[in-house]
């Protein structure tokens, strides 16, 4: 076992949350065949997010430029458009995953379409 932990190591609770979130709803206790890949993607995203936040904090501390740090954060972690969100929700719905606001989000996206 390693004695030195990397500074961007996810807490054990978060790792457990990732494991639980990848479980199949169809079969209690079952894990998907690509569990390791899904967790690796989540871990990579976590590490990249931690590094981005550290860079933004450094920038603000060294240059006292919050606006540029915010612009960097927005450029590197753009928010999905309403269309992209609706498509993701539609994909989830086709897989039997529905949230409280699934239909509201799709309706909002459709309302923005030109007639």
PDB file of N, CA and C in Angstrom:
ATOM      1  N   UNK A   1       0.841  -1.178   0.000  1.00  0.00           N
ATOM      2  CA  UNK A   1       0.000   0.000   0.000  1.00  0.00           C
ATOM      3  C   UNK A   1       0.885   1.240   0.000  1.00  0.00           C
ATOM      4  N   UNK A   2       0.436   2.276  -0.717  1.00  0.00           N
ATOM      5  CA  UNK A   2       1.206   3.506  -0.810  1.00  0.00           C
ATOM      6  C   UNK A   2       1.123   4.291   0.496  1.00  0.00           C
ATOM      7  N   UNK A   3       2.237   4.869   0.876  1.00  0.00           N
ATOM      8  CA  UNK A   3       2.234   5.675   2.092  1.00  0.00           C
ATOM      9  C   UNK A   3       2.052   7.156   1.770  1.00  0.00           C
ATOM     10  N   UNK A   4       2.456   7.573   0.591  1.00  0.00           N
ATOM     11  CA  UNK A   4       2.293   8.969   0.180  1.00  0.00           C
ATOM     12  C   UNK A   4       1.068   9.078  -0.714  1.00  0.00           C
ATOM     13  N   UNK A   5       0.192   9.981  -0.339  1.00  0.00           N
ATOM     14  CA  UNK A   5      -1.021  10.165  -1.111  1.00  0.00           C
ATOM     15  C   UNK A   5      -0.867  11.394  -1.995  1.00  0.00           C
ATOM     16  N   UNK A   6      -1.280  11.278  -3.254  1.00  0.00           N
ATOM     17  CA  UNK A   6      -1.227  12.399  -4.186  1.00  0.00           C
ATOM     18  C   UNK A   6      -2.175  13.488  -3.699  1.00  0.00           C
ATOM     19  N   UNK A   7      -1.825  14.757  -3.912  1.00  0.00           N
ATOM     20  CA  UNK A   7      -2.691  15.838  -3.417  1.00  0.00           C
ATOM     21  C   UNK A   7      -4.078  15.862  -4.063  1.00  0.00           C
ATOM     22  N   UNK A   8      -4.220  15.270  -5.230  1.00  0.00           N
ATOM     23  CA  UNK A   8      -5.540  15.218  -5.868  1.00  0.00           C
ATOM     24  C   UNK A   8      -6.046  13.779  -5.791  1.00  0.00           C
ATOM     25  N   UNK A   9      -6.292  13.327  -4.592  1.00  0.00           N
ATOM     26  CA  UNK A   9      -6.835  11.999  -4.361  1.00  0.00           C
ATOM     27  C   UNK A   9      -8.264  12.150  -3.863  1.00  0.00           C
ATOM     28  N   UNK A  10      -9.220  11.533  -4.556  1.00  0.00           N
ATOM     29  CA  UNK A  10     -10.614  11.672  -4.099  1.00  0.00           C
ATOM     30  C   UNK A  10     -10.804  11.001  -2.745  1.00  0.00           C
ATOM     31  N   UNK A  11     -11.645  11.598  -1.911  1.00  0.00           N
ATOM     32  CA  UNK A  11     -11.906  10.982  -0.612  1.00  0.00           C
ATOM     33  C   UNK A  11     -12.623   9.637  -0.794  1.00  0.00           C
ATOM     34  N   UNK A  12     -12.418   8.704   0.129  1.00  0.00           N
ATOM     35  CA  UNK A  12     -13.029   7.381   0.018  1.00  0.00           C
ATOM     36  C   UNK A  12     -14.552   7.437  -0.124  1.00  0.00           C
ATOM     37  N   UNK A  13     -15.182   8.413   0.516  1.00  0.00           N
ATOM     38  CA  UNK A  13     -16.641   8.531   0.414  1.00  0.00           C
ATOM     39  C   UNK A  13     -17.073   8.828  -1.016  1.00  0.00           C
ATOM     40  N   UNK A  14     -16.284   9.657  -1.710  1.00  0.00           N
ATOM     41  CA  UNK A  14     -16.609   9.995  -3.088  1.00  0.00           C
ATOM     42  C   UNK A  14     -16.405   8.788  -3.999  1.00  0.00           C
ATOM     43  N   UNK A  15     -15.346   8.043  -3.774  1.00  0.00           N
ATOM     44  CA  UNK A  15     -15.106   6.824  -4.553  1.00  0.00           C
ATOM     45  C   UNK A  15     -16.266   5.842  -4.361  1.00  0.00           C
ATOM     46  N   UNK A  16     -16.718   5.694  -3.137  1.00  0.00           N
ATOM     47  CA  UNK A  16     -17.852   4.809  -2.862  1.00  0.00           C
ATOM     48  C   UNK A  16     -19.105   5.306  -3.573  1.00  0.00           C
ATOM     49  N   UNK A  17     -19.297   6.618  -3.589  1.00  0.00           N
ATOM     50  CA  UNK A  17     -20.443   7.204  -4.301  1.00  0.00           C
ATOM     51  C   UNK A  17     -20.360   6.885  -5.787  1.00  0.00           C
ATOM     52  N   UNK A  18     -19.162   6.960  -6.373  1.00  0.00           N
ATOM     53  CA  UNK A  18     -19.003   6.626  -7.783  1.00  0.00           C
ATOM     54  C   UNK A  18     -19.367   5.164  -8.028  1.00  0.00           C
ATOM     55  N   UNK A  19     -18.904   4.296  -7.145  1.00  0.00           N
ATOM     56  CA  UNK A  19     -19.198   2.862  -7.299  1.00  0.00           C
ATOM     57  C   UNK A  19     -20.700   2.629  -7.237  1.00  0.00           C
ATOM     58  N   UNK A  20     -21.348   3.250  -6.250  1.00  0.00           N
ATOM     59  CA  UNK A  20     -22.796   3.076  -6.096  1.00  0.00           C
ATOM     60  C   UNK A  20     -23.563   3.646  -7.298  1.00  0.00           C
ATOM     61  N   UNK A  21     -23.091   4.767  -7.842  1.00  0.00           N
ATOM     62  CA  UNK A  21     -23.803   5.403  -8.947  1.00  0.00           C
ATOM     63  C   UNK A  21     -23.703   4.606 -10.243  1.00  0.00           C
ATOM     64  N   UNK A  22     -22.758   3.685 -10.324  1.00  0.00           N
ATOM     65  CA  UNK A  22     -22.615   2.895 -11.545  1.00  0.00           C
ATOM     66  C   UNK A  22     -23.336   1.556 -11.459  1.00  0.00           C
ATOM     67  N   UNK A  23     -23.918   1.271 -10.314  1.00  0.00           N
ATOM     68  CA  UNK A  23     -24.672   0.021 -10.184  1.00  0.00           C
ATOM     69  C   UNK A  23     -25.868   0.016 -11.109  1.00  0.00           C
ATOM     70  N   UNK A  24     -26.199  -1.155 -11.593  1.00  0.00           N
ATOM     71  CA  UNK A  24     -27.351  -1.312 -12.470  1.00  0.00           C
ATOM     72  C   UNK A  24     -28.626  -1.291 -11.650  1.00  0.00           C
ATOM     73  N   UNK A  25     -29.619  -0.511 -12.093  1.00  0.00           N
ATOM     74  CA  UNK A  25     -30.911  -0.476 -11.418  1.00  0.00           C
ATOM     75  C   UNK A  25     -31.710  -1.753 -11.664  1.00  0.00           C
ATOM     76  N   UNK A  26     -31.379  -2.449 -12.747  1.00  0.00           N
ATOM     77  CA  UNK A  26     -32.122  -3.656 -13.113  1.00  0.00           C
ATOM     78  C   UNK A  26     -31.834  -4.823 -12.182  1.00  0.00           C
ATOM     79  N   UNK A  27     -30.651  -4.866 -11.661  1.00  0.00           N
ATOM     80  CA  UNK A  27     -30.252  -6.015 -10.843  1.00  0.00           C
ATOM     81  C   UNK A  27     -29.511  -5.487  -9.622  1.00  0.00           C
ATOM     82  N   UNK A  28     -30.151  -5.584  -8.468  1.00  0.00           N
ATOM     83  CA  UNK A  28     -29.568  -5.062  -7.235  1.00  0.00           C
ATOM     84  C   UNK A  28     -28.191  -5.684  -7.010  1.00  0.00           C
ATOM     85  N   UNK A  29     -27.222  -4.818  -6.761  1.00  0.00           N
ATOM     86  CA  UNK A  29     -25.871  -5.291  -6.475  1.00  0.00           C
ATOM     87  C   UNK A  29     -25.036  -5.568  -7.708  1.00  0.00           C
ATOM     88  N   UNK A  30     -25.636  -5.481  -8.899  1.00  0.00           N
ATOM     89  CA  UNK A  30     -24.891  -5.775 -10.127  1.00  0.00           C
ATOM     90  C   UNK A  30     -24.119  -4.541 -10.586  1.00  0.00           C
ATOM     91  N   UNK A  31     -22.973  -4.777 -11.169  1.00  0.00           N
ATOM     92  CA  UNK A  31     -22.168  -3.693 -11.713  1.00  0.00           C
ATOM     93  C   UNK A  31     -22.071  -3.865 -13.221  1.00  0.00           C
ATOM     94  N   UNK A  32     -21.977  -2.766 -13.966  1.00  0.00           N
ATOM     95  CA  UNK A  32     -21.852  -2.875 -15.419  1.00  0.00           C
ATOM     96  C   UNK A  32     -20.495  -3.468 -15.798  1.00  0.00           C
ATOM     97  N   UNK A  33     -20.425  -3.984 -17.016  1.00  0.00           N
ATOM     98  CA  UNK A  33     -19.186  -4.597 -17.489  1.00  0.00           C
ATOM     99  C   UNK A  33     -18.053  -3.573 -17.572  1.00  0.00           C
ATOM    100  N   UNK A  34     -18.385  -2.317 -17.798  1.00  0.00           N
ATOM    101  CA  UNK A  34     -17.361  -1.282 -17.937  1.00  0.00           C
ATOM    102  C   UNK A  34     -17.227  -0.435 -16.674  1.00  0.00           C
ATOM    103  N   UNK A  35     -17.451  -1.028 -15.514  1.00  0.00           N
ATOM    104  CA  UNK A  35     -17.376  -0.314 -14.243  1.00  0.00           C
ATOM    105  C   UNK A  35     -16.048   0.415 -14.084  1.00  0.00           C
ATOM    106  N   UNK A  36     -14.947  -0.272 -14.350  1.00  0.00           N
ATOM    107  CA  UNK A  36     -13.633   0.344 -14.177  1.00  0.00           C
ATOM    108  C   UNK A  36     -13.481   1.564 -15.071  1.00  0.00           C
ATOM    109  N   UNK A  37     -13.960   1.462 -16.312  1.00  0.00           N
ATOM    110  CA  UNK A  37     -13.851   2.591 -17.223  1.00  0.00           C
ATOM    111  C   UNK A  37     -14.684   3.768 -16.729  1.00  0.00           C
ATOM    112  N   UNK A  38     -15.901   3.502 -16.273  1.00  0.00           N
ATOM    113  CA  UNK A  38     -16.757   4.578 -15.774  1.00  0.00           C
ATOM    114  C   UNK A  38     -16.120   5.277 -14.575  1.00  0.00           C
ATOM    115  N   UNK A  39     -15.565   4.501 -13.663  1.00  0.00           N
ATOM    116  CA  UNK A  39     -14.929   5.090 -12.481  1.00  0.00           C
ATOM    117  C   UNK A  39     -13.663   5.847 -12.868  1.00  0.00           C
ATOM    118  N   UNK A  40     -12.912   5.342 -13.839  1.00  0.00           N
ATOM    119  CA  UNK A  40     -11.721   6.060 -14.307  1.00  0.00           C
ATOM    120  C   UNK A  40     -12.105   7.405 -14.912  1.00  0.00           C
ATOM    121  N   UNK A  41     -13.194   7.453 -15.663  1.00  0.00           N
ATOM    122  CA  UNK A  41     -13.655   8.717 -16.249  1.00  0.00           C
ATOM    123  C   UNK A  41     -14.041   9.689 -15.136  1.00  0.00           C
ATOM    124  N   UNK A  42     -14.791   9.216 -14.147  1.00  0.00           N
ATOM    125  CA  UNK A  42     -15.177  10.079 -13.022  1.00  0.00           C
ATOM    126  C   UNK A  42     -13.948  10.579 -12.267  1.00  0.00           C
ATOM    127  N   UNK A  43     -12.969   9.704 -12.073  1.00  0.00           N
ATOM    128  CA  UNK A  43     -11.750  10.095 -11.362  1.00  0.00           C
ATOM    129  C   UNK A  43     -10.950  11.123 -12.164  1.00  0.00           C
ATOM    130  N   UNK A  44     -10.867  10.933 -13.472  1.00  0.00           N
ATOM    131  CA  UNK A  44     -10.159  11.891 -14.318  1.00  0.00           C
ATOM    132  C   UNK A  44     -10.857  13.253 -14.283  1.00  0.00           C
ATOM    133  N   UNK A  45     -12.184  13.244 -14.348  1.00  0.00           N
ATOM    134  CA  UNK A  45     -12.940  14.490 -14.277  1.00  0.00           C
ATOM    135  C   UNK A  45     -12.716  15.174 -12.933  1.00  0.00           C
ATOM    136  N   UNK A  46     -12.735  14.396 -11.862  1.00  0.00           N
ATOM    137  CA  UNK A  46     -12.508  14.947 -10.522  1.00  0.00           C
ATOM    138  C   UNK A  46     -11.128  15.594 -10.446  1.00  0.00           C
ATOM    139  N   UNK A  47     -10.112  14.878 -10.905  1.00  0.00           N
ATOM    140  CA  UNK A  47      -8.750  15.402 -10.861  1.00  0.00           C
ATOM    141  C   UNK A  47      -8.601  16.672 -11.689  1.00  0.00           C
ATOM    142  N   UNK A  48      -9.196  16.689 -12.872  1.00  0.00           N
ATOM    143  CA  UNK A  48      -9.123  17.867 -13.732  1.00  0.00           C
ATOM    144  C   UNK A  48      -9.847  19.048 -13.090  1.00  0.00           C
ATOM    145  N   UNK A  49     -10.985  18.790 -12.464  1.00  0.00           N
ATOM    146  CA  UNK A  49     -11.723  19.860 -11.780  1.00  0.00           C
ATOM    147  C   UNK A  49     -10.918  20.417 -10.607  1.00  0.00           C
ATOM    148  N   UNK A  50     -10.273  19.542  -9.847  1.00  0.00           N
ATOM    149  CA  UNK A  50      -9.460  19.997  -8.715  1.00  0.00           C
ATOM    150  C   UNK A  50      -8.288  20.844  -9.202  1.00  0.00           C
ATOM    151  N   UNK A  51      -7.648  20.414 -10.275  1.00  0.00           N
ATOM    152  CA  UNK A  51      -6.519  21.160 -10.826  1.00  0.00           C
ATOM    153  C   UNK A  51      -6.965  22.516 -11.363  1.00  0.00           C
ATOM    154  N   UNK A  52      -8.089  22.560 -12.064  1.00  0.00           N
ATOM    155  CA  UNK A  52      -8.602  23.831 -12.578  1.00  0.00           C
ATOM    156  C   UNK A  52      -8.883  24.799 -11.432  1.00  0.00           C
ATOM    157  N   UNK A  53      -9.536  24.304 -10.380  1.00  0.00           N
ATOM    158  CA  UNK A  53      -9.833  25.170  -9.237  1.00  0.00           C
ATOM    159  C   UNK A  53      -8.553  25.671  -8.569  1.00  0.00           C
ATOM    160  N   UNK A  54      -7.537  24.816  -8.453  1.00  0.00           N
ATOM    161  CA  UNK A  54      -6.269  25.229  -7.860  1.00  0.00           C
ATOM    162  C   UNK A  54      -5.608  26.306  -8.720  1.00  0.00           C
ATOM    163  N   UNK A  55      -5.670  26.149 -10.039  1.00  0.00           N
ATOM    164  CA  UNK A  55      -5.094  27.152 -10.940  1.00  0.00           C
ATOM    165  C   UNK A  55      -5.830  28.482 -10.816  1.00  0.00           C
ATOM    166  N   UNK A  56      -7.153  28.429 -10.768  1.00  0.00           N
ATOM    167  CA  UNK A  56      -7.940  29.658 -10.645  1.00  0.00           C
ATOM    168  C   UNK A  56      -7.660  30.347  -9.312  1.00  0.00           C
ATOM    169  N   UNK A  57      -7.562  29.566  -8.240  1.00  0.00           N
ATOM    170  CA  UNK A  57      -7.245  30.152  -6.933  1.00  0.00           C
ATOM    171  C   UNK A  57      -5.864  30.803  -6.942  1.00  0.00           C
ATOM    172  N   UNK A  58      -4.892  30.138  -7.571  1.00  0.00           N
ATOM    173  CA  UNK A  58      -3.551  30.703  -7.664  1.00  0.00           C
ATOM    174  C   UNK A  58      -3.580  32.009  -8.438  1.00  0.00           C
ATOM    175  N   UNK A  59      -4.310  32.006  -9.561  1.00  0.00           N
ATOM    176  CA  UNK A  59      -4.381  33.197 -10.395  1.00  0.00           C
ATOM    177  C   UNK A  59      -4.945  34.384  -9.619  1.00  0.00           C
ATOM    178  N   UNK A  60      -6.017  34.125  -8.868  1.00  0.00           N
ATOM    179  CA  UNK A  60      -6.629  35.198  -8.074  1.00  0.00           C
ATOM    180  C   UNK A  60      -5.660  35.659  -6.985  1.00  0.00           C
ATOM    181  N   UNK A  61      -4.996  34.717  -6.334  1.00  0.00           N
ATOM    182  CA  UNK A  61      -4.069  35.059  -5.248  1.00  0.00           C
ATOM    183  C   UNK A  61      -2.875  35.862  -5.775  1.00  0.00           C
ATOM    184  N   UNK A  62      -2.308  35.461  -6.916  1.00  0.00           N
ATOM    185  CA  UNK A  62      -1.112  36.108  -7.457  1.00  0.00           C
ATOM    186  C   UNK A  62      -1.414  37.398  -8.211  1.00  0.00           C
ATOM    187  N   UNK A  63      -2.527  37.411  -8.923  1.00  0.00           N
ATOM    188  CA  UNK A  63      -2.818  38.542  -9.800  1.00  0.00           C
ATOM    189  C   UNK A  63      -4.052  39.330  -9.375  1.00  0.00           C
ATOM    190  N   UNK A  64      -4.754  38.868  -8.373  1.00  0.00           N
ATOM    191  CA  UNK A  64      -5.969  39.510  -7.876  1.00  0.00           C
ATOM    192  C   UNK A  64      -6.932  39.824  -9.024  1.00  0.00           C
ATOM    193  N   UNK A  65      -7.081  38.853  -9.906  1.00  0.00           N
ATOM    194  CA  UNK A  65      -7.907  39.045 -11.097  1.00  0.00           C
ATOM    195  C   UNK A  65      -8.993  37.969 -11.131  1.00  0.00           C
ATOM    196  N   UNK A  66     -10.056  38.223 -10.414  1.00  0.00           N
ATOM    197  CA  UNK A  66     -11.149  37.263 -10.306  1.00  0.00           C
ATOM    198  C   UNK A  66     -11.837  37.072 -11.654  1.00  0.00           C
ATOM    199  N   UNK A  67     -11.984  38.152 -12.423  1.00  0.00           N
ATOM    200  CA  UNK A  67     -12.687  38.061 -13.711  1.00  0.00           C
ATOM    201  C   UNK A  67     -11.992  37.106 -14.674  1.00  0.00           C
ATOM    202  N   UNK A  68     -10.667  37.189 -14.751  1.00  0.00           N
ATOM    203  CA  UNK A  68      -9.926  36.302 -15.644  1.00  0.00           C
ATOM    204  C   UNK A  68     -10.013  34.859 -15.151  1.00  0.00           C
ATOM    205  N   UNK A  69      -9.934  34.658 -13.853  1.00  0.00           N
ATOM    206  CA  UNK A  69     -10.069  33.308 -13.302  1.00  0.00           C
ATOM    207  C   UNK A  69     -11.446  32.745 -13.614  1.00  0.00           C
ATOM    208  N   UNK A  70     -12.493  33.564 -13.482  1.00  0.00           N
ATOM    209  CA  UNK A  70     -13.844  33.119 -13.810  1.00  0.00           C
ATOM    210  C   UNK A  70     -13.980  32.806 -15.299  1.00  0.00           C
ATOM    211  N   UNK A  71     -13.338  33.622 -16.142  1.00  0.00           N
ATOM    212  CA  UNK A  71     -13.382  33.385 -17.588  1.00  0.00           C
ATOM    213  C   UNK A  71     -12.668  32.074 -17.936  1.00  0.00           C
ATOM    214  N   UNK A  72     -11.544  31.815 -17.274  1.00  0.00           N
ATOM    215  CA  UNK A  72     -10.822  30.562 -17.493  1.00  0.00           C
ATOM    216  C   UNK A  72     -11.691  29.372 -17.097  1.00  0.00           C
ATOM    217  N   UNK A  73     -12.310  29.467 -15.943  1.00  0.00           N
ATOM    218  CA  UNK A  73     -13.180  28.398 -15.455  1.00  0.00           C
ATOM    219  C   UNK A  73     -14.335  28.155 -16.444  1.00  0.00           C
ATOM    220  N   UNK A  74     -14.954  29.223 -16.914  1.00  0.00           N
ATOM    221  CA  UNK A  74     -16.074  29.099 -17.849  1.00  0.00           C
ATOM    222  C   UNK A  74     -15.628  28.502 -19.186  1.00  0.00           C
ATOM    223  N   UNK A  75     -14.440  28.872 -19.628  1.00  0.00           N
ATOM    224  CA  UNK A  75     -13.932  28.350 -20.903  1.00  0.00           C
ATOM    225  C   UNK A  75     -13.587  26.869 -20.811  1.00  0.00           C
ATOM    226  N   UNK A  76     -13.063  26.450 -19.659  1.00  0.00           N
ATOM    227  CA  UNK A  76     -12.640  25.055 -19.503  1.00  0.00           C
ATOM    228  C   UNK A  76     -13.761  24.131 -19.041  1.00  0.00           C
ATOM    229  N   UNK A  77     -14.816  24.675 -18.462  1.00  0.00           N
ATOM    230  CA  UNK A  77     -15.956  23.881 -17.995  1.00  0.00           C
ATOM    231  C   UNK A  77     -17.252  24.537 -18.471  1.00  0.00           C
ATOM    232  N   UNK A  78     -17.437  24.595 -19.799  1.00  0.00           N
ATOM    233  CA  UNK A  78     -18.642  25.253 -20.301  1.00  0.00           C
ATOM    234  C   UNK A  78     -19.898  24.498 -19.879  1.00  0.00           C
ATOM    235  N   UNK A  79     -20.942  25.254 -19.627  1.00  0.00           N
ATOM    236  CA  UNK A  79     -22.228  24.655 -19.260  1.00  0.00           C
ATOM    237  C   UNK A  79     -22.883  24.130 -20.532  1.00  0.00           C
ATOM    238  N   UNK A  80     -23.516  22.959 -20.474  1.00  0.00           N
ATOM    239  CA  UNK A  80     -24.191  22.444 -21.670  1.00  0.00           C
ATOM    240  C   UNK A  80     -25.371  23.345 -22.045  1.00  0.00           C
ATOM    241  N   UNK A  81     -25.618  23.448 -23.340  1.00  0.00           N
ATOM    242  CA  UNK A  81     -26.752  24.239 -23.805  1.00  0.00           C
ATOM    243  C   UNK A  81     -28.045  23.526 -23.417  1.00  0.00           C
ATOM    244  N   UNK A  82     -29.146  24.253 -23.515  1.00  0.00           N
ATOM    245  CA  UNK A  82     -30.450  23.666 -23.227  1.00  0.00           C
ATOM    246  C   UNK A  82     -30.718  22.493 -24.168  1.00  0.00           C
ATOM    247  N   UNK A  83     -30.319  22.638 -25.423  1.00  0.00           N
ATOM    248  CA  UNK A  83     -30.483  21.553 -26.399  1.00  0.00           C
ATOM    249  C   UNK A  83     -29.695  20.309 -25.970  1.00  0.00           C
ATOM    250  N   UNK A  84     -28.436  20.507 -25.562  1.00  0.00           N
ATOM    251  CA  UNK A  84     -27.612  19.377 -25.122  1.00  0.00           C
ATOM    252  C   UNK A  84     -28.202  18.714 -23.875  1.00  0.00           C
ATOM    253  N   UNK A  85     -28.700  19.536 -22.945  1.00  0.00           N
ATOM    254  CA  UNK A  85     -29.318  18.988 -21.742  1.00  0.00           C
ATOM    255  C   UNK A  85     -30.561  18.166 -22.095  1.00  0.00           C
ATOM    256  N   UNK A  86     -31.390  18.699 -23.004  1.00  0.00           N
ATOM    257  CA  UNK A  86     -32.615  18.003 -23.396  1.00  0.00           C
ATOM    258  C   UNK A  86     -32.290  16.684 -24.092  1.00  0.00           C
ATOM    259  N   UNK A  87     -31.267  16.682 -24.928  1.00  0.00           N
ATOM    260  CA  UNK A  87     -30.872  15.444 -25.593  1.00  0.00           C
ATOM    261  C   UNK A  87     -30.380  14.406 -24.582  1.00  0.00           C
ATOM    262  N   UNK A  88     -29.637  14.862 -23.583  1.00  0.00           N
ATOM    263  CA  UNK A  88     -29.178  13.947 -22.522  1.00  0.00           C
ATOM    264  C   UNK A  88     -30.362  13.373 -21.747  1.00  0.00           C
ATOM    265  N   UNK A  89     -31.348  14.227 -21.443  1.00  0.00           N
ATOM    266  CA  UNK A  89     -32.540  13.774 -20.719  1.00  0.00           C
ATOM    267  C   UNK A  89     -33.314  12.775 -21.563  1.00  0.00           C
ATOM    268  N   UNK A  90     -33.435  13.055 -22.862  1.00  0.00           N
ATOM    269  CA  UNK A  90     -34.142  12.142 -23.754  1.00  0.00           C
ATOM    270  C   UNK A  90     -33.444  10.780 -23.806  1.00  0.00           C
ATOM    271  N   UNK A  91     -32.126  10.807 -23.841  1.00  0.00           N
ATOM    272  CA  UNK A  91     -31.346   9.555 -23.820  1.00  0.00           C
ATOM    273  C   UNK A  91     -31.613   8.797 -22.519  1.00  0.00           C
ATOM    274  N   UNK A  92     -31.610   9.531 -21.390  1.00  0.00           N
ATOM    275  CA  UNK A  92     -31.902   8.896 -20.107  1.00  0.00           C
ATOM    276  C   UNK A  92     -33.307   8.290 -20.101  1.00  0.00           C
ATOM    277  N   UNK A  93     -34.272   9.051 -20.617  1.00  0.00           N
ATOM    278  CA  UNK A  93     -35.654   8.555 -20.652  1.00  0.00           C
ATOM    279  C   UNK A  93     -35.755   7.274 -21.473  1.00  0.00           C
ATOM    280  N   UNK A  94     -35.019   7.219 -22.581  1.00  0.00           N
ATOM    281  CA  UNK A  94     -35.063   6.013 -23.414  1.00  0.00           C
ATOM    282  C   UNK A  94     -34.450   4.815 -22.697  1.00  0.00           C
ATOM    283  N   UNK A  95     -33.632   5.092 -21.663  1.00  0.00           N
ATOM    284  CA  UNK A  95     -33.044   4.019 -20.849  1.00  0.00           C
ATOM    285  C   UNK A  95     -33.815   3.798 -19.555  1.00  0.00           C
ATOM    286  N   UNK A  96     -34.996   4.439 -19.457  1.00  0.00           N
ATOM    287  CA  UNK A  96     -35.843   4.237 -18.286  1.00  0.00           C
ATOM    288  C   UNK A  96     -35.475   5.086 -17.088  1.00  0.00           C
ATOM    289  N   UNK A  97     -34.657   6.116 -17.300  1.00  0.00           N
ATOM    290  CA  UNK A  97     -34.230   6.979 -16.199  1.00  0.00           C
ATOM    291  C   UNK A  97     -34.980   8.298 -16.309  1.00  0.00           C
ATOM    292  N   UNK A  98     -35.829   8.566 -15.340  1.00  0.00           N
ATOM    293  CA  UNK A  98     -36.612   9.795 -15.345  1.00  0.00           C
ATOM    294  C   UNK A  98     -36.398  10.528 -14.028  1.00  0.00           C
ATOM    295  N   UNK A  99     -36.184  11.846 -14.135  1.00  0.00           N
ATOM    296  CA  UNK A  99     -36.057  12.668 -12.941  1.00  0.00           C
ATOM    297  C   UNK A  99     -37.275  13.577 -12.844  1.00  0.00           C
ATOM    298  N   UNK A 100     -37.369  14.284 -11.746  1.00  0.00           N
ATOM    299  CA  UNK A 100     -38.533  15.139 -11.517  1.00  0.00           C
ATOM    300  C   UNK A 100     -38.682  16.215 -12.590  1.00  0.00           C
ATOM    301  N   UNK A 101     -37.569  16.692 -13.139  1.00  0.00           N
ATOM    302  CA  UNK A 101     -37.656  17.772 -14.124  1.00  0.00           C
ATOM    303  C   UNK A 101     -37.342  17.343 -15.558  1.00  0.00           C
ATOM    304  N   UNK A 102     -37.361  16.047 -15.837  1.00  0.00           N
ATOM    305  CA  UNK A 102     -37.053  15.560 -17.187  1.00  0.00           C
ATOM    306  C   UNK A 102     -37.928  16.209 -18.247  1.00  0.00           C
ATOM    307  N   UNK A 103     -39.224  16.137 -18.044  1.00  0.00           N
ATOM    308  CA  UNK A 103     -40.158  16.630 -19.051  1.00  0.00           C
ATOM    309  C   UNK A 103     -40.164  18.151 -19.112  1.00  0.00           C
ATOM    310  N   UNK A 104     -39.936  18.803 -17.984  1.00  0.00           N
ATOM    311  CA  UNK A 104     -39.881  20.268 -17.967  1.00  0.00           C
ATOM    312  C   UNK A 104     -38.710  20.753 -18.812  1.00  0.00           C
ATOM    313  N   UNK A 105     -37.568  20.084 -18.696  1.00  0.00           N
ATOM    314  CA  UNK A 105     -36.392  20.473 -19.452  1.00  0.00           C
ATOM    315  C   UNK A 105     -36.614  20.272 -20.949  1.00  0.00           C
ATOM    316  N   UNK A 106     -37.216  19.148 -21.330  1.00  0.00           N
ATOM    317  CA  UNK A 106     -37.508  18.904 -22.749  1.00  0.00           C
ATOM    318  C   UNK A 106     -38.503  19.936 -23.263  1.00  0.00           C
ATOM    319  N   UNK A 107     -39.529  20.242 -22.467  1.00  0.00           N
ATOM    320  CA  UNK A 107     -40.506  21.240 -22.868  1.00  0.00           C
ATOM    321  C   UNK A 107     -39.840  22.609 -23.064  1.00  0.00           C
ATOM    322  N   UNK A 108     -38.958  22.992 -22.170  1.00  0.00           N
ATOM    323  CA  UNK A 108     -38.257  24.269 -22.279  1.00  0.00           C
ATOM    324  C   UNK A 108     -37.448  24.341 -23.563  1.00  0.00           C
ATOM    325  N   UNK A 109     -36.784  23.238 -23.907  1.00  0.00           N
ATOM    326  CA  UNK A 109     -35.976  23.203 -25.137  1.00  0.00           C
ATOM    327  C   UNK A 109     -36.882  23.312 -26.362  1.00  0.00           C
ATOM    328  N   UNK A 110     -37.994  22.610 -26.344  1.00  0.00           N
ATOM    329  CA  UNK A 110     -38.928  22.668 -27.480  1.00  0.00           C
ATOM    330  C   UNK A 110     -39.533  24.052 -27.641  1.00  0.00           C
ATOM    331  N   UNK A 111     -39.815  24.731 -26.550  1.00  0.00           N
ATOM    332  CA  UNK A 111     -40.396  26.061 -26.615  1.00  0.00           C
ATOM    333  C   UNK A 111     -39.448  27.082 -27.235  1.00  0.00           C
ATOM    334  N   UNK A 112     -38.165  26.803 -27.220  1.00  0.00           N
ATOM    335  CA  UNK A 112     -37.197  27.739 -27.819  1.00  0.00           C
ATOM    336  C   UNK A 112     -37.056  27.552 -29.323  1.00  0.00           C
ATOM    337  N   UNK A 113     -37.643  26.491 -29.863  1.00  0.00           N
ATOM    338  CA  UNK A 113     -37.576  26.260 -31.313  1.00  0.00           C
ATOM    339  C   UNK A 113     -38.439  27.248 -32.066  1.00  0.00           C
ATOM    340  N   UNK A 114     -37.987  27.639 -33.259  1.00  0.00           N
ATOM    341  CA  UNK A 114     -38.820  28.492 -34.111  1.00  0.00           C
ATOM    342  C   UNK A 114     -39.953  27.651 -34.683  1.00  0.00           C
ATOM    343  N   UNK A 115     -41.086  28.304 -34.880  1.00  0.00           N
ATOM    344  CA  UNK A 115     -42.247  27.590 -35.475  1.00  0.00           C
ATOM    345  C   UNK A 115     -42.094  27.377 -36.940  1.00  0.00           C
TER     346      UNK A 115
END
